[in-house]
């Protein structure tokens, strides 16, 4: 029997919490990826969900590379402060091509997630439908998330859902 890594434990808790919401019909999980990269010896978990507005979705991304996994599995040879995961939140929405909407949506995400987080915004244009854009905003926490912060991950799900609700109001 093996002892699960912090990555594995956080993945299971997040997945269970989000699937509970899916089971009671408050969200719909639309995609899930559990990736093991054998070339780089890294793990990545992605879970994507929507609320009621199908024009926007949220994706939570949990990553652990060799440095994080080794810090936990080989603590004698590594720094224990590296035994965690990187966490990213991605909010993707489609709306009309309007610069004010782009600025407003980024402001919503920045206000909810705070100034200590980095929000990167990518706007994608479809050459066939020049009136609509895909607006992707990624929230980076700029630090590792540790297993003892598991309860914070559950609270974070509420903020993710609130972000989707606020973004839906902006693009109405």
N, C-alpha and C. Protein backbone atom coordinates (compact mmCIF):
# COMPACT_ATOMS: atom_id res chain seq x y z
N UNK A 1 0.85 -1.18 0.00
CA UNK A 1 0.00 0.00 0.00
C UNK A 1 0.89 1.24 0.00
N UNK A 2 0.48 2.26 -0.71
CA UNK A 2 1.27 3.48 -0.77
C UNK A 2 0.52 4.63 -0.10
N UNK A 3 1.28 5.63 0.28
CA UNK A 3 0.71 6.83 0.89
C UNK A 3 0.45 7.83 -0.23
N UNK A 4 -0.79 8.26 -0.44
CA UNK A 4 -1.06 9.18 -1.54
C UNK A 4 -0.32 10.51 -1.36
N UNK A 5 0.03 11.11 -2.48
CA UNK A 5 0.72 12.40 -2.43
C UNK A 5 -0.28 13.51 -2.13
N UNK A 6 0.25 14.69 -1.80
CA UNK A 6 -0.59 15.86 -1.56
C UNK A 6 -1.43 16.15 -2.80
N UNK A 7 -0.81 16.01 -3.98
CA UNK A 7 -1.54 16.21 -5.24
C UNK A 7 -2.76 15.30 -5.29
N UNK A 8 -2.55 14.02 -5.01
CA UNK A 8 -3.63 13.04 -5.09
C UNK A 8 -4.73 13.36 -4.08
N UNK A 9 -4.35 13.71 -2.87
CA UNK A 9 -5.34 14.04 -1.84
C UNK A 9 -6.16 15.27 -2.21
N UNK A 10 -5.49 16.32 -2.69
CA UNK A 10 -6.21 17.55 -3.08
C UNK A 10 -7.12 17.29 -4.27
N UNK A 11 -6.64 16.50 -5.21
CA UNK A 11 -7.44 16.15 -6.39
C UNK A 11 -8.73 15.45 -5.97
N UNK A 12 -8.62 14.48 -5.09
CA UNK A 12 -9.78 13.70 -4.65
C UNK A 12 -10.78 14.58 -3.90
N UNK A 13 -10.29 15.45 -3.04
CA UNK A 13 -11.19 16.33 -2.28
C UNK A 13 -11.91 17.31 -3.21
N UNK A 14 -11.17 17.94 -4.12
CA UNK A 14 -11.79 18.86 -5.08
C UNK A 14 -12.82 18.15 -5.95
N UNK A 15 -12.43 17.02 -6.48
CA UNK A 15 -13.30 16.25 -7.36
C UNK A 15 -14.58 15.85 -6.63
N UNK A 16 -14.45 15.35 -5.42
CA UNK A 16 -15.62 14.94 -4.65
C UNK A 16 -16.55 16.11 -4.35
N UNK A 17 -15.97 17.24 -3.97
CA UNK A 17 -16.77 18.43 -3.65
C UNK A 17 -17.54 18.92 -4.89
N UNK A 18 -16.85 18.98 -6.02
CA UNK A 18 -17.52 19.45 -7.25
C UNK A 18 -18.56 18.44 -7.74
N UNK A 19 -18.27 17.16 -7.65
CA UNK A 19 -19.26 16.16 -8.07
C UNK A 19 -20.48 16.15 -7.16
N UNK A 20 -20.32 16.52 -5.89
CA UNK A 20 -21.49 16.66 -5.01
C UNK A 20 -22.44 17.73 -5.56
N UNK A 21 -21.88 18.85 -6.00
CA UNK A 21 -22.71 19.91 -6.60
C UNK A 21 -23.34 19.44 -7.91
N UNK A 22 -22.59 18.66 -8.67
CA UNK A 22 -23.12 18.12 -9.92
C UNK A 22 -24.29 17.18 -9.65
N UNK A 23 -24.15 16.34 -8.65
CA UNK A 23 -25.21 15.37 -8.31
C UNK A 23 -26.52 16.04 -7.91
N UNK A 24 -26.44 17.19 -7.22
CA UNK A 24 -27.67 17.87 -6.80
C UNK A 24 -28.14 18.89 -7.84
N UNK A 25 -27.45 18.95 -8.99
CA UNK A 25 -27.90 19.77 -10.10
C UNK A 25 -27.53 21.24 -10.04
N UNK A 26 -26.63 21.63 -9.14
CA UNK A 26 -26.26 23.04 -9.05
C UNK A 26 -25.21 23.43 -10.08
N UNK A 27 -24.39 22.48 -10.50
CA UNK A 27 -23.44 22.69 -11.58
C UNK A 27 -23.50 21.48 -12.49
N UNK A 28 -22.88 21.60 -13.66
CA UNK A 28 -22.73 20.45 -14.56
C UNK A 28 -21.26 20.33 -14.91
N UNK A 29 -20.68 19.20 -14.57
CA UNK A 29 -19.29 18.95 -14.94
C UNK A 29 -19.28 18.52 -16.40
N UNK A 30 -18.51 19.24 -17.21
CA UNK A 30 -18.53 18.99 -18.65
C UNK A 30 -17.23 18.38 -19.17
N UNK A 31 -16.17 18.37 -18.33
CA UNK A 31 -14.92 17.77 -18.78
C UNK A 31 -14.04 17.48 -17.57
N UNK A 32 -13.20 16.47 -17.72
CA UNK A 32 -12.27 16.10 -16.66
C UNK A 32 -11.07 15.43 -17.31
N UNK A 33 -9.88 15.84 -16.91
CA UNK A 33 -8.64 15.25 -17.41
C UNK A 33 -7.71 14.99 -16.24
N UNK A 34 -7.16 13.80 -16.19
CA UNK A 34 -6.18 13.42 -15.19
C UNK A 34 -4.95 12.96 -15.97
N UNK A 35 -3.95 13.81 -16.04
CA UNK A 35 -2.83 13.61 -16.95
C UNK A 35 -1.55 13.26 -16.18
N UNK A 36 -0.90 12.19 -16.60
CA UNK A 36 0.42 11.82 -16.09
C UNK A 36 1.38 11.98 -17.25
N UNK A 37 2.32 12.90 -17.13
CA UNK A 37 3.30 13.13 -18.17
C UNK A 37 4.56 12.35 -17.81
N UNK A 38 4.78 11.25 -18.50
CA UNK A 38 5.94 10.40 -18.18
C UNK A 38 7.25 10.98 -18.69
N UNK A 39 7.20 11.92 -19.63
CA UNK A 39 8.43 12.55 -20.12
C UNK A 39 8.98 13.54 -19.10
N UNK A 40 8.09 14.28 -18.47
CA UNK A 40 8.51 15.31 -17.50
C UNK A 40 8.27 14.88 -16.06
N UNK A 41 7.70 13.70 -15.88
CA UNK A 41 7.37 13.19 -14.55
C UNK A 41 6.54 14.21 -13.77
N UNK A 42 5.41 14.56 -14.35
CA UNK A 42 4.51 15.53 -13.72
C UNK A 42 3.08 15.03 -13.78
N UNK A 43 2.24 15.65 -12.97
CA UNK A 43 0.81 15.33 -12.93
C UNK A 43 0.03 16.61 -13.17
N UNK A 44 -1.11 16.48 -13.82
CA UNK A 44 -2.01 17.61 -14.00
C UNK A 44 -3.43 17.09 -13.97
N UNK A 45 -4.27 17.80 -13.22
CA UNK A 45 -5.68 17.44 -13.12
C UNK A 45 -6.49 18.66 -13.49
N UNK A 46 -7.47 18.47 -14.37
CA UNK A 46 -8.34 19.56 -14.82
C UNK A 46 -9.78 19.11 -14.68
N UNK A 47 -10.60 19.96 -14.12
CA UNK A 47 -12.03 19.68 -14.03
C UNK A 47 -12.76 20.94 -14.47
N UNK A 48 -13.67 20.79 -15.42
CA UNK A 48 -14.38 21.92 -16.02
C UNK A 48 -15.86 21.79 -15.73
N UNK A 49 -16.47 22.92 -15.32
CA UNK A 49 -17.91 22.89 -15.03
C UNK A 49 -18.58 24.19 -15.45
N UNK A 50 -19.90 24.10 -15.60
CA UNK A 50 -20.73 25.27 -15.89
C UNK A 50 -21.79 25.38 -14.80
N UNK A 51 -22.33 26.58 -14.68
CA UNK A 51 -23.52 26.78 -13.84
C UNK A 51 -24.70 26.68 -14.80
N UNK A 52 -25.57 27.65 -14.83
CA UNK A 52 -26.73 27.58 -15.73
C UNK A 52 -26.47 28.23 -17.09
N UNK A 53 -25.53 29.16 -17.16
CA UNK A 53 -25.23 29.89 -18.39
C UNK A 53 -24.18 29.13 -19.19
N UNK A 54 -24.58 28.56 -20.31
CA UNK A 54 -23.66 27.74 -21.11
C UNK A 54 -22.65 28.55 -21.91
N UNK A 55 -22.75 29.89 -21.85
CA UNK A 55 -21.78 30.72 -22.56
C UNK A 55 -20.46 30.83 -21.80
N UNK A 56 -20.44 30.36 -20.55
CA UNK A 56 -19.21 30.48 -19.78
C UNK A 56 -18.99 29.24 -18.92
N UNK A 57 -17.72 28.94 -18.70
CA UNK A 57 -17.37 27.79 -17.86
C UNK A 57 -16.14 28.11 -17.03
N UNK A 58 -15.93 27.28 -16.03
CA UNK A 58 -14.78 27.42 -15.15
C UNK A 58 -14.00 26.11 -15.19
N UNK A 59 -12.69 26.24 -15.22
CA UNK A 59 -11.82 25.07 -15.18
C UNK A 59 -10.82 25.26 -14.04
N UNK A 60 -10.72 24.26 -13.19
CA UNK A 60 -9.72 24.28 -12.12
C UNK A 60 -8.59 23.36 -12.55
N UNK A 61 -7.36 23.84 -12.42
CA UNK A 61 -6.19 23.09 -12.86
C UNK A 61 -5.25 22.93 -11.66
N UNK A 62 -4.93 21.70 -11.35
CA UNK A 62 -4.02 21.37 -10.25
C UNK A 62 -2.80 20.70 -10.88
N UNK A 63 -1.59 21.20 -10.57
CA UNK A 63 -0.37 20.67 -11.18
C UNK A 63 0.67 20.33 -10.12
N UNK A 64 1.39 19.28 -10.36
CA UNK A 64 2.56 18.93 -9.55
C UNK A 64 3.64 18.43 -10.49
N UNK A 65 4.78 19.10 -10.49
CA UNK A 65 5.86 18.63 -11.35
C UNK A 65 6.84 17.79 -10.52
N UNK A 66 7.90 17.38 -11.15
CA UNK A 66 8.87 16.49 -10.50
C UNK A 66 9.39 17.09 -9.19
N UNK A 67 9.61 18.39 -9.18
CA UNK A 67 10.14 19.05 -7.99
C UNK A 67 9.19 18.88 -6.80
N UNK A 68 7.89 19.09 -7.03
CA UNK A 68 6.91 18.95 -5.96
C UNK A 68 6.75 17.49 -5.53
N UNK A 69 6.67 16.59 -6.49
CA UNK A 69 6.50 15.18 -6.16
C UNK A 69 7.73 14.62 -5.43
N UNK A 70 8.92 15.01 -5.87
CA UNK A 70 10.15 14.54 -5.22
C UNK A 70 10.26 15.08 -3.80
N UNK A 71 9.85 16.32 -3.58
CA UNK A 71 9.92 16.91 -2.24
C UNK A 71 9.09 16.12 -1.25
N UNK A 72 8.02 15.52 -1.73
CA UNK A 72 7.16 14.75 -0.84
C UNK A 72 7.61 13.29 -0.73
N UNK A 73 7.97 12.71 -1.85
CA UNK A 73 8.32 11.29 -1.85
C UNK A 73 9.76 11.03 -1.39
N UNK A 74 10.63 12.02 -1.56
CA UNK A 74 12.03 11.89 -1.16
C UNK A 74 12.43 13.06 -0.25
N UNK A 75 11.80 13.20 0.90
CA UNK A 75 12.03 14.39 1.73
C UNK A 75 13.47 14.56 2.20
N UNK A 76 14.24 13.50 2.28
CA UNK A 76 15.63 13.60 2.71
C UNK A 76 16.46 14.38 1.69
N UNK A 77 16.10 14.24 0.41
CA UNK A 77 16.87 14.85 -0.67
C UNK A 77 16.26 16.14 -1.19
N UNK A 78 15.15 16.59 -0.61
CA UNK A 78 14.44 17.74 -1.17
C UNK A 78 14.04 18.72 -0.08
N UNK A 79 13.51 19.82 -0.51
CA UNK A 79 13.00 20.86 0.38
C UNK A 79 11.53 20.59 0.65
N UNK A 80 11.15 20.43 1.91
CA UNK A 80 9.75 20.14 2.25
C UNK A 80 8.80 21.26 1.80
N UNK A 81 9.31 22.48 1.66
CA UNK A 81 8.47 23.61 1.23
C UNK A 81 8.01 23.46 -0.22
N UNK A 82 8.57 22.51 -0.93
CA UNK A 82 8.19 22.27 -2.32
C UNK A 82 7.13 21.18 -2.45
N UNK A 83 6.71 20.58 -1.34
CA UNK A 83 5.75 19.46 -1.37
C UNK A 83 4.32 19.99 -1.42
N UNK A 84 3.96 20.55 -2.56
CA UNK A 84 2.61 21.08 -2.74
C UNK A 84 2.22 21.01 -4.21
N UNK A 85 1.24 21.82 -4.57
CA UNK A 85 0.74 21.85 -5.95
C UNK A 85 0.58 23.28 -6.42
N UNK A 86 0.64 23.44 -7.71
CA UNK A 86 0.30 24.72 -8.33
C UNK A 86 -1.18 24.67 -8.67
N UNK A 87 -1.84 25.79 -8.50
CA UNK A 87 -3.28 25.85 -8.76
C UNK A 87 -3.58 27.02 -9.68
N UNK A 88 -4.39 26.75 -10.70
CA UNK A 88 -4.83 27.78 -11.63
C UNK A 88 -6.33 27.65 -11.81
N UNK A 89 -7.00 28.77 -11.97
CA UNK A 89 -8.42 28.79 -12.28
C UNK A 89 -8.59 29.47 -13.62
N UNK A 90 -9.37 28.87 -14.48
CA UNK A 90 -9.58 29.43 -15.82
C UNK A 90 -11.07 29.67 -16.00
N UNK A 91 -11.41 30.91 -16.34
CA UNK A 91 -12.79 31.28 -16.64
C UNK A 91 -12.86 31.62 -18.12
N UNK A 92 -13.73 30.93 -18.85
CA UNK A 92 -13.83 31.13 -20.29
C UNK A 92 -15.27 31.48 -20.63
N UNK A 93 -15.44 32.57 -21.39
CA UNK A 93 -16.79 32.98 -21.76
C UNK A 93 -16.80 33.53 -23.17
N UNK A 94 -17.95 33.40 -23.80
CA UNK A 94 -18.16 33.97 -25.13
C UNK A 94 -19.10 35.15 -25.00
N UNK A 95 -18.73 36.23 -25.67
CA UNK A 95 -19.57 37.43 -25.65
C UNK A 95 -19.28 38.26 -26.89
N UNK A 96 -20.07 39.31 -27.08
CA UNK A 96 -19.85 40.15 -28.26
C UNK A 96 -18.50 40.86 -28.15
N UNK A 97 -17.98 41.20 -29.31
CA UNK A 97 -16.68 41.86 -29.40
C UNK A 97 -16.83 43.31 -28.94
N UNK A 98 -16.58 43.54 -27.66
CA UNK A 98 -16.77 44.85 -27.06
C UNK A 98 -15.68 45.05 -26.00
N UNK A 99 -14.82 46.04 -26.22
CA UNK A 99 -13.69 46.28 -25.32
C UNK A 99 -14.15 46.54 -23.88
N UNK A 100 -15.27 47.23 -23.72
CA UNK A 100 -15.78 47.51 -22.37
C UNK A 100 -16.16 46.21 -21.65
N UNK A 101 -16.75 45.26 -22.40
CA UNK A 101 -17.08 43.96 -21.80
C UNK A 101 -15.81 43.22 -21.39
N UNK A 102 -14.79 43.30 -22.21
CA UNK A 102 -13.53 42.63 -21.89
C UNK A 102 -12.93 43.20 -20.61
N UNK A 103 -12.94 44.52 -20.49
CA UNK A 103 -12.41 45.18 -19.30
C UNK A 103 -13.27 44.87 -18.08
N UNK A 104 -14.59 44.87 -18.26
CA UNK A 104 -15.51 44.60 -17.14
C UNK A 104 -15.35 43.18 -16.62
N UNK A 105 -15.21 42.23 -17.53
CA UNK A 105 -15.07 40.84 -17.09
C UNK A 105 -13.76 40.64 -16.32
N UNK A 106 -12.69 41.26 -16.80
CA UNK A 106 -11.42 41.14 -16.08
C UNK A 106 -11.52 41.80 -14.71
N UNK A 107 -12.21 42.92 -14.63
CA UNK A 107 -12.39 43.61 -13.34
C UNK A 107 -13.16 42.73 -12.36
N UNK A 108 -14.18 42.03 -12.83
CA UNK A 108 -14.95 41.13 -11.97
C UNK A 108 -14.03 40.06 -11.39
N UNK A 109 -13.26 39.42 -12.24
CA UNK A 109 -12.36 38.35 -11.79
C UNK A 109 -11.31 38.90 -10.83
N UNK A 110 -10.72 40.03 -11.16
CA UNK A 110 -9.71 40.64 -10.29
C UNK A 110 -10.27 41.03 -8.94
N UNK A 111 -11.49 41.58 -8.93
CA UNK A 111 -12.11 42.00 -7.66
C UNK A 111 -12.42 40.80 -6.77
N UNK A 112 -12.90 39.72 -7.34
CA UNK A 112 -13.25 38.54 -6.54
C UNK A 112 -12.00 37.84 -6.02
N UNK A 113 -10.96 37.73 -6.85
CA UNK A 113 -9.79 36.94 -6.47
C UNK A 113 -8.68 37.75 -5.83
N UNK A 114 -8.76 39.08 -5.87
CA UNK A 114 -7.81 39.91 -5.12
C UNK A 114 -6.54 40.25 -5.87
N UNK A 115 -5.86 41.25 -5.32
CA UNK A 115 -4.67 41.79 -5.97
C UNK A 115 -3.43 40.91 -5.82
N UNK A 116 -3.44 39.98 -4.88
CA UNK A 116 -2.27 39.11 -4.72
C UNK A 116 -2.24 37.99 -5.75
N UNK A 117 -3.29 37.88 -6.55
CA UNK A 117 -3.35 36.88 -7.62
C UNK A 117 -3.09 37.58 -8.96
N UNK A 118 -2.54 36.85 -9.88
CA UNK A 118 -2.34 37.38 -11.23
C UNK A 118 -3.49 36.90 -12.10
N UNK A 119 -4.11 37.83 -12.84
CA UNK A 119 -5.17 37.48 -13.78
C UNK A 119 -4.67 37.78 -15.18
N UNK A 120 -4.47 36.73 -15.98
CA UNK A 120 -4.08 36.89 -17.38
C UNK A 120 -5.31 36.71 -18.25
N UNK A 121 -5.47 37.60 -19.20
CA UNK A 121 -6.64 37.56 -20.08
C UNK A 121 -6.18 37.36 -21.52
N UNK A 122 -6.80 36.38 -22.18
CA UNK A 122 -6.52 36.12 -23.60
C UNK A 122 -7.85 36.23 -24.34
N UNK A 123 -7.87 37.03 -25.38
CA UNK A 123 -9.06 37.20 -26.21
C UNK A 123 -8.81 36.49 -27.53
N UNK A 124 -9.73 35.59 -27.90
CA UNK A 124 -9.62 34.85 -29.16
C UNK A 124 -10.75 35.30 -30.08
N UNK A 125 -10.38 35.58 -31.32
CA UNK A 125 -11.35 36.00 -32.32
C UNK A 125 -11.59 34.87 -33.30
N UNK A 126 -12.84 34.68 -33.68
CA UNK A 126 -13.20 33.71 -34.70
C UNK A 126 -13.33 34.47 -36.01
N UNK A 127 -12.56 34.10 -37.01
CA UNK A 127 -12.59 34.84 -38.27
C UNK A 127 -13.92 34.70 -39.01
N UNK A 128 -14.69 33.66 -38.69
CA UNK A 128 -15.99 33.48 -39.34
C UNK A 128 -17.10 34.28 -38.65
N UNK A 129 -16.97 34.50 -37.35
CA UNK A 129 -17.97 35.28 -36.61
C UNK A 129 -17.25 36.42 -35.92
N UNK A 130 -17.11 37.52 -36.64
CA UNK A 130 -16.32 38.64 -36.14
C UNK A 130 -17.01 39.44 -35.05
N UNK A 131 -18.23 39.07 -34.72
CA UNK A 131 -18.96 39.82 -33.70
C UNK A 131 -18.83 39.20 -32.31
N UNK A 132 -18.26 38.00 -32.24
CA UNK A 132 -18.16 37.30 -30.96
C UNK A 132 -16.70 36.94 -30.67
N UNK A 133 -16.33 37.01 -29.40
CA UNK A 133 -14.99 36.63 -28.98
C UNK A 133 -15.07 35.57 -27.89
N UNK A 134 -13.96 34.86 -27.72
CA UNK A 134 -13.81 33.97 -26.57
C UNK A 134 -12.82 34.64 -25.63
N UNK A 135 -13.28 34.88 -24.43
CA UNK A 135 -12.52 35.61 -23.42
C UNK A 135 -12.07 34.61 -22.36
N UNK A 136 -10.77 34.39 -22.26
CA UNK A 136 -10.23 33.42 -21.31
C UNK A 136 -9.39 34.15 -20.27
N UNK A 137 -9.77 34.00 -19.01
CA UNK A 137 -9.03 34.63 -17.91
C UNK A 137 -8.51 33.54 -16.98
N UNK A 138 -7.21 33.57 -16.73
CA UNK A 138 -6.58 32.58 -15.87
C UNK A 138 -6.09 33.26 -14.60
N UNK A 139 -6.53 32.73 -13.46
CA UNK A 139 -6.10 33.23 -12.16
C UNK A 139 -4.95 32.36 -11.68
N UNK A 140 -3.80 33.00 -11.43
CA UNK A 140 -2.62 32.29 -10.92
C UNK A 140 -2.40 32.72 -9.47
N UNK A 141 -2.11 31.77 -8.62
CA UNK A 141 -1.93 32.07 -7.21
C UNK A 141 -0.49 32.42 -6.86
N UNK A 142 0.42 32.21 -7.78
CA UNK A 142 1.82 32.62 -7.63
C UNK A 142 2.52 31.99 -6.44
N UNK A 143 2.06 30.85 -6.02
CA UNK A 143 2.68 30.12 -4.91
C UNK A 143 2.16 28.69 -4.94
N UNK A 144 2.76 27.85 -4.16
CA UNK A 144 2.27 26.48 -4.04
C UNK A 144 1.12 26.42 -3.04
N UNK A 145 0.23 25.48 -3.28
CA UNK A 145 -0.88 25.19 -2.37
C UNK A 145 -0.50 23.89 -1.65
N UNK A 146 -0.67 23.88 -0.34
CA UNK A 146 -0.26 22.73 0.45
C UNK A 146 -1.46 21.96 0.98
N UNK A 147 -1.19 20.72 1.35
CA UNK A 147 -2.24 19.82 1.81
C UNK A 147 -2.98 20.35 3.03
N UNK A 148 -2.30 21.10 3.89
CA UNK A 148 -2.97 21.63 5.08
C UNK A 148 -3.92 22.79 4.75
N UNK A 149 -3.99 23.17 3.48
CA UNK A 149 -4.91 24.22 3.04
C UNK A 149 -6.14 23.62 2.34
N UNK A 150 -6.40 22.35 2.59
CA UNK A 150 -7.49 21.63 1.94
C UNK A 150 -8.84 22.33 2.13
N UNK A 151 -9.11 22.82 3.34
CA UNK A 151 -10.38 23.51 3.60
C UNK A 151 -10.52 24.76 2.74
N UNK A 152 -9.40 25.44 2.48
CA UNK A 152 -9.43 26.63 1.62
C UNK A 152 -9.86 26.27 0.20
N UNK A 153 -9.51 25.08 -0.26
CA UNK A 153 -9.91 24.65 -1.60
C UNK A 153 -11.42 24.54 -1.70
N UNK A 154 -12.06 24.06 -0.63
CA UNK A 154 -13.51 23.93 -0.64
C UNK A 154 -14.18 25.30 -0.68
N UNK A 155 -13.64 26.25 0.07
CA UNK A 155 -14.16 27.62 0.06
C UNK A 155 -13.93 28.24 -1.32
N UNK A 156 -12.81 27.90 -1.93
CA UNK A 156 -12.48 28.42 -3.25
C UNK A 156 -13.53 28.03 -4.29
N UNK A 157 -14.09 26.85 -4.15
CA UNK A 157 -15.14 26.41 -5.08
C UNK A 157 -16.32 27.38 -5.03
N UNK A 158 -16.66 27.87 -3.85
CA UNK A 158 -17.76 28.84 -3.72
C UNK A 158 -17.41 30.13 -4.45
N UNK A 159 -16.17 30.57 -4.35
CA UNK A 159 -15.73 31.78 -5.06
C UNK A 159 -15.74 31.56 -6.58
N UNK A 160 -15.41 30.36 -7.01
CA UNK A 160 -15.45 30.05 -8.44
C UNK A 160 -16.88 30.16 -8.95
N UNK A 161 -17.81 29.61 -8.19
CA UNK A 161 -19.22 29.66 -8.58
C UNK A 161 -19.72 31.10 -8.58
N UNK A 162 -19.31 31.87 -7.59
CA UNK A 162 -19.72 33.28 -7.52
C UNK A 162 -19.14 34.06 -8.71
N UNK A 163 -17.92 33.74 -9.09
CA UNK A 163 -17.30 34.39 -10.25
C UNK A 163 -18.12 34.11 -11.50
N UNK A 164 -18.53 32.87 -11.70
CA UNK A 164 -19.37 32.54 -12.87
C UNK A 164 -20.68 33.33 -12.85
N UNK A 165 -21.30 33.44 -11.68
CA UNK A 165 -22.57 34.19 -11.58
C UNK A 165 -22.37 35.66 -11.92
N UNK A 166 -21.29 36.25 -11.39
CA UNK A 166 -21.03 37.67 -11.66
C UNK A 166 -20.67 37.89 -13.14
N UNK A 167 -19.90 37.00 -13.73
CA UNK A 167 -19.56 37.13 -15.15
C UNK A 167 -20.80 36.99 -16.02
N UNK A 168 -21.71 36.11 -15.64
CA UNK A 168 -22.95 35.94 -16.39
C UNK A 168 -23.76 37.23 -16.40
N UNK A 169 -23.79 37.93 -15.28
CA UNK A 169 -24.52 39.22 -15.21
C UNK A 169 -23.88 40.26 -16.12
N UNK A 170 -22.55 40.28 -16.18
CA UNK A 170 -21.85 41.27 -16.99
C UNK A 170 -22.13 41.08 -18.47
N UNK A 171 -22.21 39.83 -18.94
CA UNK A 171 -22.36 39.60 -20.38
C UNK A 171 -23.82 39.46 -20.82
N UNK A 172 -24.76 39.68 -19.93
CA UNK A 172 -26.19 39.56 -20.30
C UNK A 172 -26.55 40.49 -21.44
